[in-house]
Amino acid sequence: MFTGIVEELGSVVAVEPMVDAARLRIRGPLVTSDAVHGASIAVNGVCLTVVELGDGEFTADVMQETLDRSSLGAVAPGSPVNLERPVTLAARLGGHLVQGHVDGTGTILERSPSEHWEVVRVSLPDDLGKYVVEKGSITVDGVSLTVVEAHDDWFSISLIPTTLELTTLGTKQVGDPVNLEVDVVAKYVERMLQWRTS
């Protein structure tokens, strides 16, 4: 479980394609400082398992389902990535409950900078619009954010200077894909209501 508070802007060192998967090597000295084999690290909002560690880098295997559902299939050596370690029970929950299970990808549609922040409009896959509400939480590339406007096929977020400086969202351009994870509570409520009415 994560909070969507990015700890480190890391970078992809290597990508090894496989038949139905890929192996990523990622540089992240902070998040690897106390990591062990089998630990979880969120990479652009995707929970990955550490399989190798060394010299401030870690390696993780990404299966085809994850490559299909997220934007990790498009990363290349040099790509910046948002990194976060799992939350501990003693930590403050600064963002919101984030599983690291990406629901789909959106595309940056528009960026509107202002003096102190930037409003970004992001497309929504058809099946995710029902889970996104104004002033609700959403995870974009692993960053916990508050929805400004919510529509069936897009939503907007406001990015403060810290988010622009310390995450991938500061450099993403119009047309770039981003990983989306909607609030898990909404999905559980929907599922319980389906069972109740069936």
N, C-alpha and C. Protein backbone atom coordinates (compact mmCIF):
# COMPACT_ATOMS: atom_id res chain seq x y z
N MET A 1 0.85 -1.18 0.00
CA MET A 1 0.00 0.00 0.00
C MET A 1 0.89 1.24 0.00
N PHE A 2 0.47 2.25 -0.78
CA PHE A 2 1.24 3.48 -0.92
C PHE A 2 0.34 4.68 -0.60
N THR A 3 0.91 5.87 -0.63
CA THR A 3 0.13 7.07 -0.34
C THR A 3 0.07 8.02 -1.52
N GLY A 4 0.87 7.77 -2.57
CA GLY A 4 0.88 8.69 -3.70
C GLY A 4 1.74 9.93 -3.46
N ILE A 5 2.58 9.88 -2.42
CA ILE A 5 3.53 10.96 -2.17
C ILE A 5 4.89 10.49 -2.69
N VAL A 6 5.27 10.98 -3.86
CA VAL A 6 6.49 10.53 -4.52
C VAL A 6 7.71 10.90 -3.68
N GLU A 7 8.58 9.92 -3.46
CA GLU A 7 9.77 10.14 -2.64
C GLU A 7 10.98 10.54 -3.47
N GLU A 8 11.01 10.08 -4.71
CA GLU A 8 12.23 10.27 -5.49
C GLU A 8 11.89 10.22 -6.98
N LEU A 9 12.55 11.09 -7.73
CA LEU A 9 12.46 11.04 -9.19
C LEU A 9 13.65 10.22 -9.67
N GLY A 10 13.38 8.97 -10.03
CA GLY A 10 14.43 8.07 -10.47
C GLY A 10 14.52 8.06 -11.98
N SER A 11 15.29 7.10 -12.51
CA SER A 11 15.41 7.00 -13.96
C SER A 11 15.60 5.54 -14.36
N VAL A 12 15.11 5.21 -15.55
CA VAL A 12 15.27 3.87 -16.08
C VAL A 12 16.70 3.73 -16.61
N VAL A 13 17.38 2.69 -16.17
CA VAL A 13 18.76 2.44 -16.60
C VAL A 13 18.78 1.49 -17.79
N ALA A 14 17.93 0.46 -17.73
CA ALA A 14 17.92 -0.53 -18.81
C ALA A 14 16.55 -1.19 -18.89
N VAL A 15 16.21 -1.62 -20.10
CA VAL A 15 14.97 -2.36 -20.35
C VAL A 15 15.34 -3.62 -21.12
N GLU A 16 15.00 -4.77 -20.55
CA GLU A 16 15.27 -6.05 -21.22
C GLU A 16 13.94 -6.68 -21.64
N PRO A 17 13.59 -6.61 -22.93
CA PRO A 17 12.33 -7.22 -23.38
C PRO A 17 12.40 -8.74 -23.28
N MET A 18 11.25 -9.34 -22.93
CA MET A 18 11.13 -10.80 -22.89
C MET A 18 9.93 -11.18 -23.75
N VAL A 19 9.64 -12.46 -23.84
CA VAL A 19 8.54 -12.91 -24.70
C VAL A 19 7.21 -12.31 -24.26
N ASP A 20 6.90 -12.40 -22.98
CA ASP A 20 5.62 -11.91 -22.47
C ASP A 20 5.82 -11.05 -21.23
N ALA A 21 6.95 -10.36 -21.17
CA ALA A 21 7.27 -9.54 -19.99
C ALA A 21 8.44 -8.63 -20.35
N ALA A 22 8.88 -7.86 -19.37
CA ALA A 22 10.09 -7.04 -19.52
C ALA A 22 10.76 -6.95 -18.17
N ARG A 23 12.07 -6.79 -18.17
CA ARG A 23 12.83 -6.59 -16.94
C ARG A 23 13.37 -5.17 -16.97
N LEU A 24 13.04 -4.40 -15.93
CA LEU A 24 13.49 -3.02 -15.85
C LEU A 24 14.56 -2.88 -14.78
N ARG A 25 15.59 -2.10 -15.10
CA ARG A 25 16.58 -1.72 -14.10
C ARG A 25 16.44 -0.22 -13.90
N ILE A 26 16.25 0.18 -12.64
CA ILE A 26 15.89 1.55 -12.32
C ILE A 26 16.84 2.10 -11.26
N ARG A 27 17.28 3.32 -11.47
CA ARG A 27 18.13 3.99 -10.49
C ARG A 27 17.27 4.78 -9.52
N GLY A 28 17.46 4.52 -8.21
CA GLY A 28 16.72 5.22 -7.17
C GLY A 28 17.41 5.03 -5.84
N PRO A 29 18.49 5.81 -5.58
CA PRO A 29 19.27 5.61 -4.36
C PRO A 29 18.46 5.72 -3.07
N LEU A 30 17.48 6.62 -3.03
CA LEU A 30 16.69 6.77 -1.80
C LEU A 30 15.81 5.56 -1.55
N VAL A 31 15.03 5.16 -2.54
CA VAL A 31 14.09 4.06 -2.32
C VAL A 31 14.77 2.71 -2.18
N THR A 32 16.02 2.61 -2.64
CA THR A 32 16.74 1.35 -2.48
C THR A 32 17.58 1.32 -1.20
N SER A 33 17.64 2.44 -0.49
CA SER A 33 18.51 2.53 0.69
C SER A 33 18.15 1.53 1.77
N ASP A 34 16.88 1.16 1.88
CA ASP A 34 16.48 0.16 2.88
C ASP A 34 15.68 -0.98 2.26
N ALA A 35 15.75 -1.10 0.93
CA ALA A 35 15.00 -2.15 0.25
C ALA A 35 15.71 -3.49 0.38
N VAL A 36 14.93 -4.55 0.28
CA VAL A 36 15.46 -5.91 0.29
C VAL A 36 14.84 -6.66 -0.88
N HIS A 37 15.41 -7.81 -1.20
CA HIS A 37 14.85 -8.66 -2.24
C HIS A 37 13.40 -8.99 -1.89
N GLY A 38 12.49 -8.80 -2.83
CA GLY A 38 11.07 -9.07 -2.60
C GLY A 38 10.28 -7.87 -2.13
N ALA A 39 10.97 -6.74 -1.88
CA ALA A 39 10.25 -5.53 -1.44
C ALA A 39 9.45 -4.95 -2.59
N SER A 40 8.47 -4.13 -2.25
CA SER A 40 7.66 -3.44 -3.25
C SER A 40 8.13 -2.00 -3.40
N ILE A 41 8.16 -1.54 -4.64
CA ILE A 41 8.43 -0.13 -4.94
C ILE A 41 7.48 0.27 -6.05
N ALA A 42 6.80 1.40 -5.87
CA ALA A 42 5.90 1.91 -6.90
C ALA A 42 6.71 2.70 -7.92
N VAL A 43 6.53 2.35 -9.19
CA VAL A 43 7.22 3.01 -10.30
C VAL A 43 6.15 3.62 -11.20
N ASN A 44 6.07 4.95 -11.22
CA ASN A 44 4.99 5.64 -11.94
C ASN A 44 3.62 5.09 -11.55
N GLY A 45 3.50 4.75 -10.27
CA GLY A 45 2.22 4.28 -9.76
C GLY A 45 1.98 2.80 -9.89
N VAL A 46 2.94 2.05 -10.43
CA VAL A 46 2.80 0.61 -10.61
C VAL A 46 3.62 -0.09 -9.52
N CYS A 47 2.98 -0.92 -8.74
CA CYS A 47 3.68 -1.66 -7.69
C CYS A 47 4.49 -2.78 -8.32
N LEU A 48 5.82 -2.69 -8.16
CA LEU A 48 6.73 -3.71 -8.70
C LEU A 48 7.51 -4.35 -7.56
N THR A 49 7.96 -5.58 -7.79
CA THR A 49 8.70 -6.33 -6.79
C THR A 49 10.19 -6.30 -7.12
N VAL A 50 11.00 -5.98 -6.13
CA VAL A 50 12.45 -5.93 -6.31
C VAL A 50 12.99 -7.35 -6.43
N VAL A 51 13.72 -7.61 -7.53
CA VAL A 51 14.33 -8.94 -7.71
C VAL A 51 15.85 -8.88 -7.60
N GLU A 52 16.44 -7.71 -7.85
CA GLU A 52 17.88 -7.52 -7.67
C GLU A 52 18.13 -6.12 -7.15
N LEU A 53 19.22 -5.97 -6.37
CA LEU A 53 19.58 -4.67 -5.77
C LEU A 53 21.08 -4.46 -5.87
N GLY A 54 21.48 -3.19 -6.02
CA GLY A 54 22.90 -2.90 -5.96
C GLY A 54 23.23 -1.52 -6.48
N ASP A 55 24.13 -0.81 -5.80
CA ASP A 55 24.63 0.48 -6.24
C ASP A 55 23.52 1.50 -6.51
N GLY A 56 22.52 1.53 -5.64
CA GLY A 56 21.45 2.50 -5.79
C GLY A 56 20.47 2.19 -6.90
N GLU A 57 20.50 0.96 -7.40
CA GLU A 57 19.61 0.54 -8.47
C GLU A 57 18.85 -0.71 -8.06
N PHE A 58 17.71 -0.93 -8.69
CA PHE A 58 16.98 -2.18 -8.47
C PHE A 58 16.42 -2.68 -9.80
N THR A 59 16.18 -3.97 -9.84
CA THR A 59 15.62 -4.61 -11.03
C THR A 59 14.27 -5.19 -10.66
N ALA A 60 13.31 -5.07 -11.59
CA ALA A 60 11.98 -5.62 -11.37
C ALA A 60 11.46 -6.21 -12.67
N ASP A 61 10.71 -7.30 -12.55
CA ASP A 61 10.07 -7.91 -13.70
C ASP A 61 8.66 -7.36 -13.86
N VAL A 62 8.28 -7.06 -15.10
CA VAL A 62 6.97 -6.50 -15.40
C VAL A 62 6.26 -7.45 -16.35
N MET A 63 5.16 -8.06 -15.90
CA MET A 63 4.46 -9.04 -16.74
C MET A 63 3.63 -8.34 -17.82
N GLN A 64 3.17 -9.11 -18.80
CA GLN A 64 2.47 -8.56 -19.96
C GLN A 64 1.21 -7.79 -19.56
N GLU A 65 0.47 -8.30 -18.58
CA GLU A 65 -0.75 -7.60 -18.12
C GLU A 65 -0.43 -6.18 -17.70
N THR A 66 0.67 -6.01 -16.99
CA THR A 66 1.07 -4.67 -16.53
C THR A 66 1.55 -3.82 -17.69
N LEU A 67 2.29 -4.41 -18.62
CA LEU A 67 2.73 -3.67 -19.80
C LEU A 67 1.54 -3.20 -20.63
N ASP A 68 0.50 -4.03 -20.71
CA ASP A 68 -0.69 -3.68 -21.50
C ASP A 68 -1.54 -2.61 -20.82
N ARG A 69 -1.60 -2.66 -19.49
CA ARG A 69 -2.52 -1.79 -18.75
C ARG A 69 -1.89 -0.46 -18.33
N SER A 70 -0.57 -0.40 -18.34
CA SER A 70 0.11 0.80 -17.88
C SER A 70 1.01 1.38 -18.99
N SER A 71 1.67 2.48 -18.66
CA SER A 71 2.59 3.09 -19.63
C SER A 71 4.02 2.58 -19.49
N LEU A 72 4.24 1.58 -18.63
CA LEU A 72 5.60 1.09 -18.44
C LEU A 72 6.17 0.42 -19.69
N GLY A 73 5.30 -0.03 -20.57
CA GLY A 73 5.77 -0.63 -21.81
C GLY A 73 6.45 0.36 -22.73
N ALA A 74 6.28 1.65 -22.45
CA ALA A 74 6.86 2.69 -23.31
C ALA A 74 8.12 3.31 -22.74
N VAL A 75 8.52 2.90 -21.53
CA VAL A 75 9.72 3.52 -20.96
C VAL A 75 10.97 2.99 -21.66
N ALA A 76 12.02 3.81 -21.63
CA ALA A 76 13.28 3.46 -22.27
C ALA A 76 14.40 3.94 -21.36
N PRO A 77 15.63 3.48 -21.60
CA PRO A 77 16.74 3.99 -20.80
C PRO A 77 16.78 5.52 -20.82
N GLY A 78 16.88 6.10 -19.64
CA GLY A 78 16.87 7.55 -19.50
C GLY A 78 15.52 8.12 -19.12
N SER A 79 14.45 7.34 -19.24
CA SER A 79 13.11 7.83 -18.88
C SER A 79 13.05 8.13 -17.39
N PRO A 80 12.56 9.32 -17.00
CA PRO A 80 12.37 9.59 -15.57
C PRO A 80 11.14 8.84 -15.06
N VAL A 81 11.19 8.40 -13.81
CA VAL A 81 10.08 7.68 -13.20
C VAL A 81 9.88 8.13 -11.76
N ASN A 82 8.62 8.20 -11.34
CA ASN A 82 8.28 8.51 -9.96
C ASN A 82 8.42 7.26 -9.11
N LEU A 83 9.10 7.38 -7.97
CA LEU A 83 9.35 6.23 -7.10
C LEU A 83 8.82 6.49 -5.70
N GLU A 84 8.22 5.44 -5.13
CA GLU A 84 7.72 5.52 -3.76
C GLU A 84 7.81 4.15 -3.10
N ARG A 85 8.29 4.14 -1.85
CA ARG A 85 8.28 2.92 -1.06
C ARG A 85 6.91 2.74 -0.41
N PRO A 86 6.56 1.51 -0.01
CA PRO A 86 5.27 1.30 0.66
C PRO A 86 5.20 2.07 1.97
N VAL A 87 3.99 2.45 2.33
CA VAL A 87 3.77 3.16 3.59
C VAL A 87 3.89 2.17 4.75
N THR A 88 4.40 2.65 5.89
CA THR A 88 4.43 1.82 7.09
C THR A 88 3.27 2.21 7.99
N LEU A 89 2.93 1.34 8.93
CA LEU A 89 1.80 1.62 9.82
C LEU A 89 2.07 2.83 10.72
N ALA A 90 3.32 3.19 10.90
CA ALA A 90 3.66 4.32 11.77
C ALA A 90 3.73 5.64 11.01
N ALA A 91 3.58 5.59 9.69
CA ALA A 91 3.75 6.81 8.87
C ALA A 91 2.44 7.59 8.77
N ARG A 92 2.57 8.89 8.52
CA ARG A 92 1.40 9.71 8.23
C ARG A 92 0.90 9.41 6.83
N LEU A 93 -0.41 9.39 6.67
CA LEU A 93 -1.01 9.14 5.36
C LEU A 93 -1.20 10.49 4.67
N GLY A 94 -0.15 10.95 3.99
CA GLY A 94 -0.16 12.29 3.43
C GLY A 94 -1.00 12.44 2.18
N GLY A 95 -1.16 11.39 1.40
CA GLY A 95 -1.95 11.47 0.18
C GLY A 95 -3.28 10.78 0.37
N HIS A 96 -3.47 9.62 -0.28
CA HIS A 96 -4.64 8.79 -0.03
C HIS A 96 -4.21 7.33 -0.24
N LEU A 97 -5.10 6.40 0.04
CA LEU A 97 -4.75 4.99 -0.08
C LEU A 97 -4.56 4.62 -1.55
N VAL A 98 -3.35 4.23 -1.89
CA VAL A 98 -2.99 3.89 -3.26
C VAL A 98 -2.46 2.45 -3.26
N GLN A 99 -3.02 1.61 -4.12
CA GLN A 99 -2.62 0.21 -4.16
C GLN A 99 -1.42 -0.05 -5.06
N GLY A 100 -1.20 0.81 -6.03
CA GLY A 100 -0.17 0.52 -7.03
C GLY A 100 -0.68 -0.42 -8.09
N HIS A 101 -2.01 -0.52 -8.22
CA HIS A 101 -2.65 -1.36 -9.23
C HIS A 101 -3.31 -0.43 -10.25
N VAL A 102 -2.61 -0.17 -11.33
CA VAL A 102 -3.08 0.79 -12.32
C VAL A 102 -4.34 0.29 -13.00
N ASP A 103 -5.34 1.19 -13.10
CA ASP A 103 -6.62 0.83 -13.73
C ASP A 103 -6.60 1.06 -15.23
N GLY A 104 -5.73 1.92 -15.70
CA GLY A 104 -5.64 2.21 -17.12
C GLY A 104 -4.77 3.43 -17.35
N THR A 105 -4.68 3.84 -18.59
CA THR A 105 -3.88 5.02 -18.91
C THR A 105 -4.75 6.12 -19.48
N GLY A 106 -4.35 7.34 -19.20
CA GLY A 106 -4.96 8.51 -19.81
C GLY A 106 -3.90 9.21 -20.64
N THR A 107 -4.32 10.27 -21.31
CA THR A 107 -3.40 11.06 -22.13
C THR A 107 -3.51 12.51 -21.71
N ILE A 108 -2.40 13.19 -21.60
CA ILE A 108 -2.44 14.61 -21.28
C ILE A 108 -3.01 15.36 -22.48
N LEU A 109 -4.12 16.06 -22.25
CA LEU A 109 -4.83 16.77 -23.31
C LEU A 109 -4.44 18.24 -23.40
N GLU A 110 -4.14 18.82 -22.24
CA GLU A 110 -3.89 20.27 -22.22
C GLU A 110 -3.15 20.64 -20.95
N ARG A 111 -2.25 21.61 -21.06
CA ARG A 111 -1.56 22.17 -19.90
C ARG A 111 -1.79 23.67 -19.91
N SER A 112 -2.27 24.21 -18.78
CA SER A 112 -2.55 25.64 -18.67
C SER A 112 -1.77 26.21 -17.50
N PRO A 113 -0.58 26.76 -17.76
CA PRO A 113 0.23 27.30 -16.66
C PRO A 113 -0.29 28.63 -16.17
N SER A 114 -0.11 28.89 -14.88
CA SER A 114 -0.40 30.19 -14.30
C SER A 114 0.79 30.57 -13.43
N GLU A 115 0.67 31.63 -12.68
CA GLU A 115 1.83 32.13 -11.93
C GLU A 115 2.30 31.15 -10.86
N HIS A 116 1.36 30.50 -10.16
CA HIS A 116 1.75 29.67 -9.03
C HIS A 116 1.42 28.19 -9.18
N TRP A 117 0.72 27.80 -10.19
CA TRP A 117 0.39 26.40 -10.39
C TRP A 117 0.07 26.17 -11.85
N GLU A 118 -0.20 24.92 -12.19
CA GLU A 118 -0.54 24.58 -13.57
C GLU A 118 -1.73 23.63 -13.56
N VAL A 119 -2.72 23.93 -14.37
CA VAL A 119 -3.87 23.07 -14.51
C VAL A 119 -3.62 22.13 -15.69
N VAL A 120 -3.81 20.84 -15.46
CA VAL A 120 -3.57 19.83 -16.49
C VAL A 120 -4.86 19.05 -16.71
N ARG A 121 -5.23 18.92 -17.99
CA ARG A 121 -6.43 18.14 -18.35
C ARG A 121 -5.99 16.80 -18.91
N VAL A 122 -6.60 15.71 -18.41
CA VAL A 122 -6.19 14.35 -18.75
C VAL A 122 -7.41 13.56 -19.23
N SER A 123 -7.24 12.79 -20.30
CA SER A 123 -8.34 11.95 -20.80
C SER A 123 -8.57 10.77 -19.87
N LEU A 124 -9.80 10.26 -19.91
CA LEU A 124 -10.18 9.10 -19.09
C LEU A 124 -10.65 7.97 -20.00
N PRO A 125 -10.19 6.74 -19.78
CA PRO A 125 -10.77 5.60 -20.49
C PRO A 125 -12.26 5.51 -20.19
N ASP A 126 -13.02 4.96 -21.12
CA ASP A 126 -14.49 4.89 -20.99
C ASP A 126 -14.96 4.30 -19.68
N ASP A 127 -14.29 3.27 -19.19
CA ASP A 127 -14.79 2.56 -18.01
C ASP A 127 -14.37 3.17 -16.68
N LEU A 128 -13.59 4.26 -16.71
CA LEU A 128 -13.12 4.83 -15.44
C LEU A 128 -13.83 6.12 -15.03
N GLY A 129 -14.53 6.76 -15.96
CA GLY A 129 -15.17 8.04 -15.66
C GLY A 129 -16.11 8.00 -14.47
N LYS A 130 -16.78 6.88 -14.27
CA LYS A 130 -17.76 6.78 -13.17
C LYS A 130 -17.11 6.81 -11.80
N TYR A 131 -15.80 6.55 -11.72
CA TYR A 131 -15.11 6.53 -10.44
C TYR A 131 -14.45 7.85 -10.07
N VAL A 132 -14.48 8.81 -10.97
CA VAL A 132 -13.77 10.07 -10.76
C VAL A 132 -14.78 11.17 -10.43
N VAL A 133 -14.60 11.83 -9.29
CA VAL A 133 -15.53 12.86 -8.85
C VAL A 133 -14.77 14.14 -8.51
N GLU A 134 -15.43 15.26 -8.70
CA GLU A 134 -14.84 16.54 -8.35
C GLU A 134 -14.45 16.56 -6.88
N LYS A 135 -13.25 17.02 -6.60
CA LYS A 135 -12.64 17.09 -5.28
C LYS A 135 -12.34 15.71 -4.68
N GLY A 136 -12.46 14.67 -5.49
CA GLY A 136 -12.06 13.34 -5.06
C GLY A 136 -10.58 13.12 -5.33
N SER A 137 -10.10 11.95 -4.96
CA SER A 137 -8.68 11.62 -5.15
C SER A 137 -8.49 10.77 -6.39
N ILE A 138 -7.35 10.97 -7.05
CA ILE A 138 -6.94 10.12 -8.17
C ILE A 138 -5.42 10.06 -8.16
N THR A 139 -4.89 8.96 -8.63
CA THR A 139 -3.44 8.81 -8.73
C THR A 139 -3.04 8.90 -10.19
N VAL A 140 -2.12 9.84 -10.50
CA VAL A 140 -1.64 10.03 -11.86
C VAL A 140 -0.13 9.81 -11.85
N ASP A 141 0.32 8.77 -12.56
CA ASP A 141 1.74 8.38 -12.55
C ASP A 141 2.27 8.23 -11.13
N GLY A 142 1.42 7.72 -10.25
CA GLY A 142 1.84 7.47 -8.87
C GLY A 142 1.72 8.65 -7.94
N VAL A 143 1.22 9.79 -8.44
CA VAL A 143 1.09 11.00 -7.63
C VAL A 143 -0.35 11.15 -7.15
N SER A 144 -0.54 11.26 -5.85
CA SER A 144 -1.87 11.48 -5.28
C SER A 144 -2.30 12.92 -5.56
N LEU A 145 -3.44 13.08 -6.24
CA LEU A 145 -3.91 14.41 -6.62
C LEU A 145 -5.40 14.55 -6.36
N THR A 146 -5.84 15.80 -6.25
CA THR A 146 -7.25 16.12 -6.08
C THR A 146 -7.83 16.52 -7.43
N VAL A 147 -8.97 15.94 -7.76
CA VAL A 147 -9.64 16.25 -9.02
C VAL A 147 -10.27 17.64 -8.93
N VAL A 148 -9.99 18.48 -9.92
CA VAL A 148 -10.59 19.81 -9.98
C VAL A 148 -11.93 19.73 -10.69
N GLU A 149 -11.92 19.21 -11.92
CA GLU A 149 -13.15 19.00 -12.69
C GLU A 149 -13.23 17.55 -13.09
N ALA A 150 -14.42 16.99 -13.10
CA ALA A 150 -14.62 15.59 -13.51
C ALA A 150 -15.69 15.52 -14.58
N HIS A 151 -15.36 14.90 -15.70
CA HIS A 151 -16.30 14.69 -16.80
C HIS A 151 -16.23 13.21 -17.18
N ASP A 152 -17.10 12.78 -18.07
CA ASP A 152 -17.15 11.36 -18.43
C ASP A 152 -15.86 10.88 -19.07
N ASP A 153 -15.23 11.74 -19.87
CA ASP A 153 -14.07 11.28 -20.61
C ASP A 153 -12.79 12.08 -20.34
N TRP A 154 -12.83 12.99 -19.36
CA TRP A 154 -11.62 13.71 -18.96
C TRP A 154 -11.79 14.29 -17.56
N PHE A 155 -10.66 14.63 -16.95
CA PHE A 155 -10.67 15.31 -15.66
C PHE A 155 -9.50 16.28 -15.66
N SER A 156 -9.53 17.21 -14.70
CA SER A 156 -8.42 18.14 -14.58
C SER A 156 -7.86 18.10 -13.16
N ILE A 157 -6.58 18.45 -13.06
CA ILE A 157 -5.87 18.51 -11.79
C ILE A 157 -5.05 19.79 -11.76
N SER A 158 -4.77 20.29 -10.56
CA SER A 158 -3.89 21.45 -10.40
C SER A 158 -2.58 20.98 -9.78
N LEU A 159 -1.47 21.38 -10.40
CA LEU A 159 -0.16 20.96 -9.92
C LEU A 159 0.58 22.13 -9.32
N ILE A 160 1.01 21.96 -8.06
CA ILE A 160 1.77 23.01 -7.38
C ILE A 160 3.23 22.94 -7.83
N PRO A 161 4.02 23.99 -7.58
CA PRO A 161 5.43 23.98 -8.01
C PRO A 161 6.22 22.77 -7.54
N THR A 162 5.98 22.30 -6.32
CA THR A 162 6.72 21.14 -5.81
C THR A 162 6.46 19.91 -6.66
N THR A 163 5.20 19.68 -7.02
CA THR A 163 4.84 18.53 -7.86
C THR A 163 5.46 18.67 -9.25
N LEU A 164 5.45 19.88 -9.78
CA LEU A 164 6.03 20.12 -11.10
C LEU A 164 7.53 19.87 -11.10
N GLU A 165 8.18 20.21 -9.98
CA GLU A 165 9.63 20.09 -9.91
C GLU A 165 10.11 18.69 -9.58
N LEU A 166 9.37 17.97 -8.73
CA LEU A 166 9.87 16.72 -8.18
C LEU A 166 9.25 15.46 -8.74
N THR A 167 8.36 15.57 -9.74
CA THR A 167 7.75 14.38 -10.34
C THR A 167 7.78 14.47 -11.86
N THR A 168 7.44 13.38 -12.49
CA THR A 168 7.41 13.33 -13.96
C THR A 168 6.33 14.26 -14.53
N LEU A 169 5.37 14.65 -13.71
CA LEU A 169 4.27 15.47 -14.22
C LEU A 169 4.74 16.87 -14.61
N GLY A 170 5.91 17.27 -14.17
CA GLY A 170 6.44 18.56 -14.56
C GLY A 170 6.94 18.61 -15.99
N THR A 171 7.29 17.45 -16.54
CA THR A 171 7.85 17.42 -17.90
C THR A 171 6.98 16.70 -18.91
N LYS A 172 5.91 16.07 -18.46
CA LYS A 172 5.02 15.40 -19.42
C LYS A 172 4.41 16.42 -20.36
N GLN A 173 4.31 16.05 -21.62
CA GLN A 173 3.79 16.95 -22.65
C GLN A 173 2.41 16.50 -23.12
N VAL A 174 1.71 17.40 -23.79
CA VAL A 174 0.42 17.04 -24.40
C VAL A 174 0.63 15.84 -25.32
N GLY A 175 -0.22 14.84 -25.16
CA GLY A 175 -0.11 13.61 -25.93
C GLY A 175 0.59 12.48 -25.21
N ASP A 176 1.28 12.80 -24.10
CA ASP A 176 1.99 11.76 -23.34
C ASP A 176 1.00 10.94 -22.52
N PRO A 177 1.25 9.62 -22.39
CA PRO A 177 0.39 8.78 -21.55
C PRO A 177 0.76 8.90 -20.08
N VAL A 178 -0.24 8.71 -19.23
CA VAL A 178 -0.02 8.68 -17.78
C VAL A 178 -0.82 7.53 -17.18
N ASN A 179 -0.26 6.93 -16.14
CA ASN A 179 -0.95 5.84 -15.45
C ASN A 179 -2.00 6.41 -14.51
N LEU A 180 -3.15 5.76 -14.48
CA LEU A 180 -4.26 6.21 -13.63
C LEU A 180 -4.69 5.10 -12.69
N GLU A 181 -4.86 5.46 -11.43
CA GLU A 181 -5.49 4.56 -10.46
C GLU A 181 -6.58 5.35 -9.75
N VAL A 182 -7.82 4.87 -9.89
CA VAL A 182 -8.94 5.56 -9.26
C VAL A 182 -9.04 5.13 -7.80
N ASP A 183 -9.86 5.82 -7.04
CA ASP A 183 -10.02 5.53 -5.62
C ASP A 183 -10.61 4.13 -5.44
N VAL A 184 -9.90 3.26 -4.75
CA VAL A 184 -10.31 1.87 -4.59
C VAL A 184 -11.64 1.77 -3.84
N VAL A 185 -11.94 2.72 -2.96
CA VAL A 185 -13.20 2.67 -2.19
C VAL A 185 -14.39 2.69 -3.13
N ALA A 186 -14.33 3.51 -4.18
CA ALA A 186 -15.44 3.59 -5.14
C ALA A 186 -15.67 2.25 -5.83
N LYS A 187 -14.59 1.55 -6.15
CA LYS A 187 -14.73 0.25 -6.83
C LYS A 187 -15.35 -0.79 -5.90
N TYR A 188 -14.97 -0.77 -4.62
CA TYR A 188 -15.55 -1.71 -3.67
C TYR A 188 -17.03 -1.43 -3.43
N VAL A 189 -17.40 -0.15 -3.34
CA VAL A 189 -18.80 0.21 -3.15
C VAL A 189 -19.62 -0.27 -4.33
N GLU A 190 -19.12 -0.05 -5.55
CA GLU A 190 -19.83 -0.51 -6.74
C GLU A 190 -20.03 -2.02 -6.72
N ARG A 191 -18.99 -2.75 -6.36
CA ARG A 191 -19.06 -4.21 -6.34
C ARG A 191 -20.06 -4.70 -5.30
N MET A 192 -20.06 -4.08 -4.12
CA MET A 192 -21.01 -4.50 -3.07
C MET A 192 -22.45 -4.23 -3.49
N LEU A 193 -22.68 -3.10 -4.16
CA LEU A 193 -24.03 -2.78 -4.63
C LEU A 193 -24.48 -3.77 -5.70
N GLN A 194 -23.56 -4.22 -6.54
CA GLN A 194 -23.92 -5.21 -7.56
C GLN A 194 -24.36 -6.52 -6.91
N TRP A 195 -23.65 -6.93 -5.89
CA TRP A 195 -24.01 -8.17 -5.19
C TRP A 195 -25.37 -8.03 -4.49
N ARG A 196 -25.61 -6.85 -3.95
CA ARG A 196 -26.85 -6.63 -3.21
C ARG A 196 -28.07 -6.66 -4.11
N THR A 197 -27.92 -6.19 -5.34
CA THR A 197 -29.07 -6.11 -6.25
C THR A 197 -29.21 -7.33 -7.16
N SER A 198 -28.25 -8.27 -7.07
CA SER A 198 -28.35 -9.45 -7.97
C SER A 198 -29.09 -10.59 -7.30
